Amino acid sequence: MIVDINTLLAWGATYKKVTEGDIIFQEDGICSFYLQLVSGSVRWANINEEGKEILQVMIEPGECFGELPLFDNGVYAATTIANEDSILLRLNKNTFHQMIRENAEIHFAFSKLLAERLRFKFMIVRELANHNPEHSISSLFKYFKDSSKNICTKCNRVKLTRQQIADMTGLRVETVIRAIRNMHKKGTVIVDKGKVYC
């Protein structure tokens, strides 16, 4: 969790409910709030002219999203969509700035988060240039396992669908299906009842 819920509430954050499919903010929109997911799931994606999503990241409870414009005063870099009914906490942008000015540990937590997300993007770009789907998917799974994101920490089940993996890696879903099947045959992943374990 980036910021403790009680800290956010003490600074005046408010809860907001969204339903599955709701757009929370759109790419190129103006940022007015710090947003942190309390429950549910949202995805951060770019959407091209044909309506295809390029999945940037899946947000889990306790994580923030849309934070770039809070620091550079630019517009949102992607669109955020609720994957399911979810609850968010919203804190006014100016109040957020005051909060991090007065709390160095929170500011350092954001520096760490931004570095982690930048490192993830470097890994994705490297894998896109690789042109080996199995290697790209394996690297993605390793990153998620190492960072305890999008993989169940108890059973190592991948929480992403094959479509979401395709959207995140720039591969076609058919390529992801074929690559995971080959990885299963080689013993690098386990597929059981359609679920992927690494």
C-alpha atoms as a PDB file:
ATOM      1  CA  MET A   1       0.000   0.000   0.000  1.00  0.00           C
ATOM      2  CA  ILE A   2       1.433   3.353  -1.014  1.00  0.00           C
ATOM      3  CA  VAL A   3      -0.496   5.534   1.476  1.00  0.00           C
ATOM      4  CA  ASP A   4      -2.319   4.219   4.521  1.00  0.00           C
ATOM      5  CA  ILE A   5      -6.099   4.566   4.145  1.00  0.00           C
ATOM      6  CA  ASN A   6      -6.421   6.326   7.510  1.00  0.00           C
ATOM      7  CA  THR A   7      -3.766   8.854   6.464  1.00  0.00           C
ATOM      8  CA  LEU A   8      -5.646   9.573   3.233  1.00  0.00           C
ATOM      9  CA  LEU A   9      -8.936   9.973   5.098  1.00  0.00           C
ATOM     10  CA  ALA A  10      -7.286  12.301   7.631  1.00  0.00           C
ATOM     11  CA  TRP A  11      -6.125  14.480   4.710  1.00  0.00           C
ATOM     12  CA  GLY A  12      -9.687  14.633   3.343  1.00  0.00           C
ATOM     13  CA  ALA A  13      -9.808  11.776   0.821  1.00  0.00           C
ATOM     14  CA  THR A  14     -13.269  10.525  -0.153  1.00  0.00           C
ATOM     15  CA  TYR A  15     -14.509   7.146  -1.328  1.00  0.00           C
ATOM     16  CA  LYS A  16     -15.867   6.677  -4.835  1.00  0.00           C
ATOM     17  CA  LYS A  17     -17.635   3.579  -6.167  1.00  0.00           C
ATOM     18  CA  VAL A  18     -17.261   2.548  -9.801  1.00  0.00           C
ATOM     19  CA  THR A  19     -18.931  -0.311 -11.623  1.00  0.00           C
ATOM     20  CA  GLU A  20     -17.449  -2.818 -14.041  1.00  0.00           C
ATOM     21  CA  GLY A  21     -16.603  -1.160 -17.351  1.00  0.00           C
ATOM     22  CA  ASP A  22     -16.647   2.401 -15.992  1.00  0.00           C
ATOM     23  CA  ILE A  23     -13.924   4.679 -17.331  1.00  0.00           C
ATOM     24  CA  ILE A  24     -12.323   6.346 -14.315  1.00  0.00           C
ATOM     25  CA  PHE A  25     -10.258   8.744 -16.416  1.00  0.00           C
ATOM     26  CA  GLN A  26      -9.270   8.975 -20.067  1.00  0.00           C
ATOM     27  CA  GLU A  27      -5.922   9.342 -21.784  1.00  0.00           C
ATOM     28  CA  ASP A  28      -5.079  13.037 -22.297  1.00  0.00           C
ATOM     29  CA  GLY A  29      -7.520  14.038 -19.546  1.00  0.00           C
ATOM     30  CA  ILE A  30      -6.663  16.556 -16.824  1.00  0.00           C
ATOM     31  CA  CYS A  31      -5.665  15.160 -13.431  1.00  0.00           C
ATOM     32  CA  SER A  32      -7.442  16.569 -10.367  1.00  0.00           C
ATOM     33  CA  PHE A  33      -7.017  13.740  -7.840  1.00  0.00           C
ATOM     34  CA  TYR A  34      -4.631  11.210  -6.358  1.00  0.00           C
ATOM     35  CA  LEU A  35      -6.391   7.837  -6.789  1.00  0.00           C
ATOM     36  CA  GLN A  36      -5.845   4.661  -4.756  1.00  0.00           C
ATOM     37  CA  LEU A  37      -7.747   1.403  -5.189  1.00  0.00           C
ATOM     38  CA  VAL A  38      -9.420   0.105  -2.024  1.00  0.00           C
ATOM     39  CA  SER A  39     -11.194  -2.936  -3.477  1.00  0.00           C
ATOM     40  CA  GLY A  40     -11.824  -4.476  -6.874  1.00  0.00           C
ATOM     41  CA  SER A  41      -9.559  -4.259  -9.903  1.00  0.00           C
ATOM     42  CA  VAL A  42      -8.812  -1.689 -12.586  1.00  0.00           C
ATOM     43  CA  ARG A  43      -6.633  -1.673 -15.677  1.00  0.00           C
ATOM     44  CA  TRP A  44      -4.536   1.130 -17.086  1.00  0.00           C
ATOM     45  CA  ALA A  45      -4.455   0.917 -20.892  1.00  0.00           C
ATOM     46  CA  ASN A  46      -3.946   2.900 -24.063  1.00  0.00           C
ATOM     47  CA  ILE A  47      -6.687   2.422 -26.658  1.00  0.00           C
ATOM     48  CA  ASN A  48      -5.830   2.799 -30.350  1.00  0.00           C
ATOM     49  CA  GLU A  49      -8.102   4.034 -33.170  1.00  0.00           C
ATOM     50  CA  GLU A  50      -9.437   0.500 -33.762  1.00  0.00           C
ATOM     51  CA  GLY A  51     -10.412   0.165 -30.096  1.00  0.00           C
ATOM     52  CA  LYS A  52      -7.613  -2.311 -29.258  1.00  0.00           C
ATOM     53  CA  GLU A  53      -6.246  -1.976 -25.748  1.00  0.00           C
ATOM     54  CA  ILE A  54      -2.533  -1.895 -25.027  1.00  0.00           C
ATOM     55  CA  LEU A  55      -2.521  -2.953 -21.394  1.00  0.00           C
ATOM     56  CA  GLN A  56      -0.039  -0.965 -19.321  1.00  0.00           C
ATOM     57  CA  VAL A  57      -0.679  -2.357 -15.855  1.00  0.00           C
ATOM     58  CA  MET A  58      -3.303  -4.107 -13.746  1.00  0.00           C
ATOM     59  CA  ILE A  59      -4.005  -2.294 -10.478  1.00  0.00           C
ATOM     60  CA  GLU A  60      -4.700  -4.270  -7.320  1.00  0.00           C
ATOM     61  CA  PRO A  61      -6.167  -3.047  -3.993  1.00  0.00           C
ATOM     62  CA  GLY A  62      -3.760  -0.799  -2.110  1.00  0.00           C
ATOM     63  CA  GLU A  63      -2.118   0.497  -5.286  1.00  0.00           C
ATOM     64  CA  CYS A  64      -2.400   3.959  -6.756  1.00  0.00           C
ATOM     65  CA  PHE A  65      -2.842   4.733 -10.439  1.00  0.00           C
ATOM     66  CA  GLY A  66      -2.724   7.727 -12.729  1.00  0.00           C
ATOM     67  CA  GLU A  67       0.040   9.274 -10.661  1.00  0.00           C
ATOM     68  CA  LEU A  68       2.222  10.668 -13.480  1.00  0.00           C
ATOM     69  CA  PRO A  69       0.346  13.998 -13.876  1.00  0.00           C
ATOM     70  CA  LEU A  70       0.539  14.533 -10.122  1.00  0.00           C
ATOM     71  CA  PHE A  71       4.292  14.943 -10.539  1.00  0.00           C
ATOM     72  CA  ASP A  72       4.737  16.459 -14.013  1.00  0.00           C
ATOM     73  CA  ASN A  73       1.458  18.418 -14.395  1.00  0.00           C
ATOM     74  CA  GLY A  74       0.902  16.721 -17.757  1.00  0.00           C
ATOM     75  CA  VAL A  75      -2.212  14.881 -18.868  1.00  0.00           C
ATOM     76  CA  TYR A  76      -3.074  11.249 -18.160  1.00  0.00           C
ATOM     77  CA  ALA A  77      -0.828   8.909 -20.177  1.00  0.00           C
ATOM     78  CA  ALA A  78      -3.493   6.180 -20.461  1.00  0.00           C
ATOM     79  CA  THR A  79      -7.150   5.396 -19.765  1.00  0.00           C
ATOM     80  CA  THR A  80      -8.209   3.564 -16.602  1.00  0.00           C
ATOM     81  CA  ILE A  81     -11.163   1.168 -16.717  1.00  0.00           C
ATOM     82  CA  ALA A  82     -12.796  -0.798 -13.886  1.00  0.00           C
ATOM     83  CA  ASN A  83     -12.452  -4.566 -14.435  1.00  0.00           C
ATOM     84  CA  GLU A  84     -15.145  -5.163 -11.804  1.00  0.00           C
ATOM     85  CA  ASP A  85     -17.157  -3.160  -9.294  1.00  0.00           C
ATOM     86  CA  SER A  86     -14.510  -1.287  -7.310  1.00  0.00           C
ATOM     87  CA  ILE A  87     -14.000   1.297  -4.580  1.00  0.00           C
ATOM     88  CA  LEU A  88     -11.418   4.072  -4.860  1.00  0.00           C
ATOM     89  CA  LEU A  89     -10.108   6.749  -2.571  1.00  0.00           C
ATOM     90  CA  ARG A  90      -9.685  10.200  -4.138  1.00  0.00           C
ATOM     91  CA  LEU A  91      -7.589  13.003  -2.695  1.00  0.00           C
ATOM     92  CA  ASN A  92      -7.489  16.477  -4.200  1.00  0.00           C
ATOM     93  CA  LYS A  93      -4.261  17.050  -6.164  1.00  0.00           C
ATOM     94  CA  ASN A  94      -3.245  20.165  -4.186  1.00  0.00           C
ATOM     95  CA  THR A  95      -3.868  18.395  -0.881  1.00  0.00           C
ATOM     96  CA  PHE A  96      -1.829  15.427  -2.150  1.00  0.00           C
ATOM     97  CA  HIS A  97       1.109  17.769  -2.840  1.00  0.00           C
ATOM     98  CA  GLN A  98       0.870  19.197   0.675  1.00  0.00           C
ATOM     99  CA  MET A  99       0.703  15.678   2.162  1.00  0.00           C
ATOM    100  CA  ILE A 100       3.883  14.494   0.429  1.00  0.00           C
ATOM    101  CA  ARG A 101       5.701  17.751   1.311  1.00  0.00           C
ATOM    102  CA  GLU A 102       4.987  17.071   4.982  1.00  0.00           C
ATOM    103  CA  ASN A 103       5.663  13.303   4.867  1.00  0.00           C
ATOM    104  CA  ALA A 104       9.070  12.363   3.463  1.00  0.00           C
ATOM    105  CA  GLU A 105       8.394   8.622   3.863  1.00  0.00           C
ATOM    106  CA  ILE A 106       5.334   8.883   1.606  1.00  0.00           C
ATOM    107  CA  HIS A 107       7.331  10.879  -0.946  1.00  0.00           C
ATOM    108  CA  PHE A 108      10.063   8.189  -0.945  1.00  0.00           C
ATOM    109  CA  ALA A 109       7.391   5.512  -1.394  1.00  0.00           C
ATOM    110  CA  PHE A 110       6.274   7.286  -4.565  1.00  0.00           C
ATOM    111  CA  SER A 111       9.850   7.572  -5.804  1.00  0.00           C
ATOM    112  CA  LYS A 112      10.213   3.812  -5.325  1.00  0.00           C
ATOM    113  CA  LEU A 113       6.899   3.126  -7.077  1.00  0.00           C
ATOM    114  CA  LEU A 114       7.807   5.291 -10.072  1.00  0.00           C
ATOM    115  CA  ALA A 115      11.203   3.555 -10.325  1.00  0.00           C
ATOM    116  CA  GLU A 116       9.527   0.104 -10.206  1.00  0.00           C
ATOM    117  CA  ARG A 117       7.032   1.040 -12.919  1.00  0.00           C
ATOM    118  CA  LEU A 118       9.805   2.497 -15.081  1.00  0.00           C
ATOM    119  CA  ARG A 119      11.888  -0.669 -14.612  1.00  0.00           C
ATOM    120  CA  PHE A 120       8.860  -2.733 -15.709  1.00  0.00           C
ATOM    121  CA  LYS A 121       8.529  -0.629 -18.878  1.00  0.00           C
ATOM    122  CA  PHE A 122      12.228  -1.141 -19.672  1.00  0.00           C
ATOM    123  CA  MET A 123      11.683  -4.905 -19.330  1.00  0.00           C
ATOM    124  CA  ILE A 124       8.630  -4.824 -21.628  1.00  0.00           C
ATOM    125  CA  VAL A 125      10.462  -2.787 -24.294  1.00  0.00           C
ATOM    126  CA  ARG A 126      13.417  -5.185 -24.145  1.00  0.00           C
ATOM    127  CA  GLU A 127      11.090  -8.159 -24.600  1.00  0.00           C
ATOM    128  CA  LEU A 128       9.236  -6.512 -27.494  1.00  0.00           C
ATOM    129  CA  ALA A 129      12.563  -6.213 -29.310  1.00  0.00           C
ATOM    130  CA  ASN A 130      13.343  -9.860 -28.518  1.00  0.00           C
ATOM    131  CA  HIS A 131      10.722 -11.356 -30.919  1.00  0.00           C
ATOM    132  CA  ASN A 132      10.599 -14.628 -28.928  1.00  0.00           C
ATOM    133  CA  PRO A 133       7.083 -15.013 -27.476  1.00  0.00           C
ATOM    134  CA  GLU A 134       7.990 -17.755 -24.995  1.00  0.00           C
ATOM    135  CA  HIS A 135      10.902 -15.732 -23.665  1.00  0.00           C
ATOM    136  CA  SER A 136       8.748 -12.586 -23.418  1.00  0.00           C
ATOM    137  CA  ILE A 137       6.002 -14.392 -21.509  1.00  0.00           C
ATOM    138  CA  SER A 138       8.529 -16.140 -19.274  1.00  0.00           C
ATOM    139  CA  SER A 139      10.197 -12.791 -18.474  1.00  0.00           C
ATOM    140  CA  LEU A 140       6.806 -11.254 -17.709  1.00  0.00           C
ATOM    141  CA  PHE A 141       5.937 -14.118 -15.341  1.00  0.00           C
ATOM    142  CA  LYS A 142       9.342 -13.873 -13.640  1.00  0.00           C
ATOM    143  CA  TYR A 143       8.884 -10.143 -13.129  1.00  0.00           C
ATOM    144  CA  PHE A 144       5.422 -10.682 -11.627  1.00  0.00           C
ATOM    145  CA  LYS A 145       6.664 -13.488  -9.389  1.00  0.00           C
ATOM    146  CA  ASP A 146       9.618 -11.415  -8.160  1.00  0.00           C
ATOM    147  CA  SER A 147       7.399  -8.397  -7.497  1.00  0.00           C
ATOM    148  CA  SER A 148       4.463 -10.441  -6.071  1.00  0.00           C
ATOM    149  CA  LYS A 149       2.080  -8.853  -8.589  1.00  0.00           C
ATOM    150  CA  ASN A 150      -0.516 -10.570 -10.784  1.00  0.00           C
ATOM    151  CA  ILE A 151       0.554 -13.983  -9.453  1.00  0.00           C
ATOM    152  CA  CYS A 152      -1.003 -15.715  -6.452  1.00  0.00           C
ATOM    153  CA  THR A 153       1.722 -15.852  -3.796  1.00  0.00           C
ATOM    154  CA  LYS A 154       0.283 -19.065  -2.317  1.00  0.00           C
ATOM    155  CA  CYS A 155      -0.133 -21.211  -5.447  1.00  0.00           C
ATOM    156  CA  ASN A 156       1.801 -19.327  -8.199  1.00  0.00           C
ATOM    157  CA  ARG A 157      -1.336 -19.038 -10.377  1.00  0.00           C
ATOM    158  CA  VAL A 158      -1.103 -16.288 -12.973  1.00  0.00           C
ATOM    159  CA  LYS A 159      -4.015 -13.890 -12.401  1.00  0.00           C
ATOM    160  CA  LEU A 160      -3.981 -12.469 -15.942  1.00  0.00           C
ATOM    161  CA  THR A 161      -6.006 -13.863 -18.812  1.00  0.00           C
ATOM    162  CA  ARG A 162      -4.268 -14.855 -22.022  1.00  0.00           C
ATOM    163  CA  GLN A 163      -5.831 -11.786 -23.658  1.00  0.00           C
ATOM    164  CA  GLN A 164      -4.408  -9.526 -20.939  1.00  0.00           C
ATOM    165  CA  ILE A 165      -0.962 -11.107 -21.393  1.00  0.00           C
ATOM    166  CA  ALA A 166      -1.248 -10.462 -25.133  1.00  0.00           C
ATOM    167  CA  ASP A 167      -2.342  -6.860 -24.555  1.00  0.00           C
ATOM    168  CA  MET A 168       0.570  -6.309 -22.174  1.00  0.00           C
ATOM    169  CA  THR A 169       3.276  -7.866 -24.369  1.00  0.00           C
ATOM    170  CA  GLY A 170       2.073  -6.706 -27.787  1.00  0.00           C
ATOM    171  CA  LEU A 171       1.560 -10.315 -28.907  1.00  0.00           C
ATOM    172  CA  ARG A 172      -1.542 -11.757 -30.526  1.00  0.00           C
ATOM    173  CA  VAL A 173      -3.696 -13.831 -28.182  1.00  0.00           C
ATOM    174  CA  GLU A 174      -3.247 -16.860 -30.467  1.00  0.00           C
ATOM    175  CA  THR A 175       0.527 -16.475 -30.104  1.00  0.00           C
ATOM    176  CA  VAL A 176       0.203 -16.326 -26.308  1.00  0.00           C
ATOM    177  CA  ILE A 177      -1.962 -19.467 -26.266  1.00  0.00           C
ATOM    178  CA  ARG A 178       0.512 -21.340 -28.468  1.00  0.00           C
ATOM    179  CA  ALA A 179       3.525 -20.128 -26.459  1.00  0.00           C
ATOM    180  CA  ILE A 180       1.964 -21.126 -23.110  1.00  0.00           C
ATOM    181  CA  ARG A 181       1.093 -24.541 -24.558  1.00  0.00           C
ATOM    182  CA  ASN A 182       4.739 -24.981 -25.630  1.00  0.00           C
ATOM    183  CA  MET A 183       5.989 -23.759 -22.253  1.00  0.00           C
ATOM    184  CA  HIS A 184       3.729 -26.339 -20.576  1.00  0.00           C
ATOM    185  CA  LYS A 185       5.158 -29.118 -22.786  1.00  0.00           C
ATOM    186  CA  LYS A 186       8.686 -28.024 -21.838  1.00  0.00           C
ATOM    187  CA  GLY A 187       7.778 -27.944 -18.146  1.00  0.00           C
ATOM    188  CA  THR A 188       8.446 -24.227 -17.597  1.00  0.00           C
ATOM    189  CA  VAL A 189       4.800 -23.577 -16.623  1.00  0.00           C
ATOM    190  CA  ILE A 190       1.926 -25.785 -15.521  1.00  0.00           C
ATOM    191  CA  VAL A 191      -1.496 -25.515 -17.134  1.00  0.00           C
ATOM    192  CA  ASP A 192      -4.296 -27.115 -15.133  1.00  0.00           C
ATOM    193  CA  LYS A 193      -7.984 -26.676 -16.021  1.00  0.00           C
ATOM    194  CA  GLY A 194      -7.114 -23.636 -18.103  1.00  0.00           C
ATOM    195  CA  LYS A 195      -5.224 -21.914 -15.287  1.00  0.00           C
ATOM    196  CA  VAL A 196      -1.513 -21.144 -15.702  1.00  0.00           C
ATOM    197  CA  TYR A 197       0.938 -21.703 -12.839  1.00  0.00           C
ATOM    198  CA  CYS A 198       4.596 -20.715 -12.853  1.00  0.00           C
END
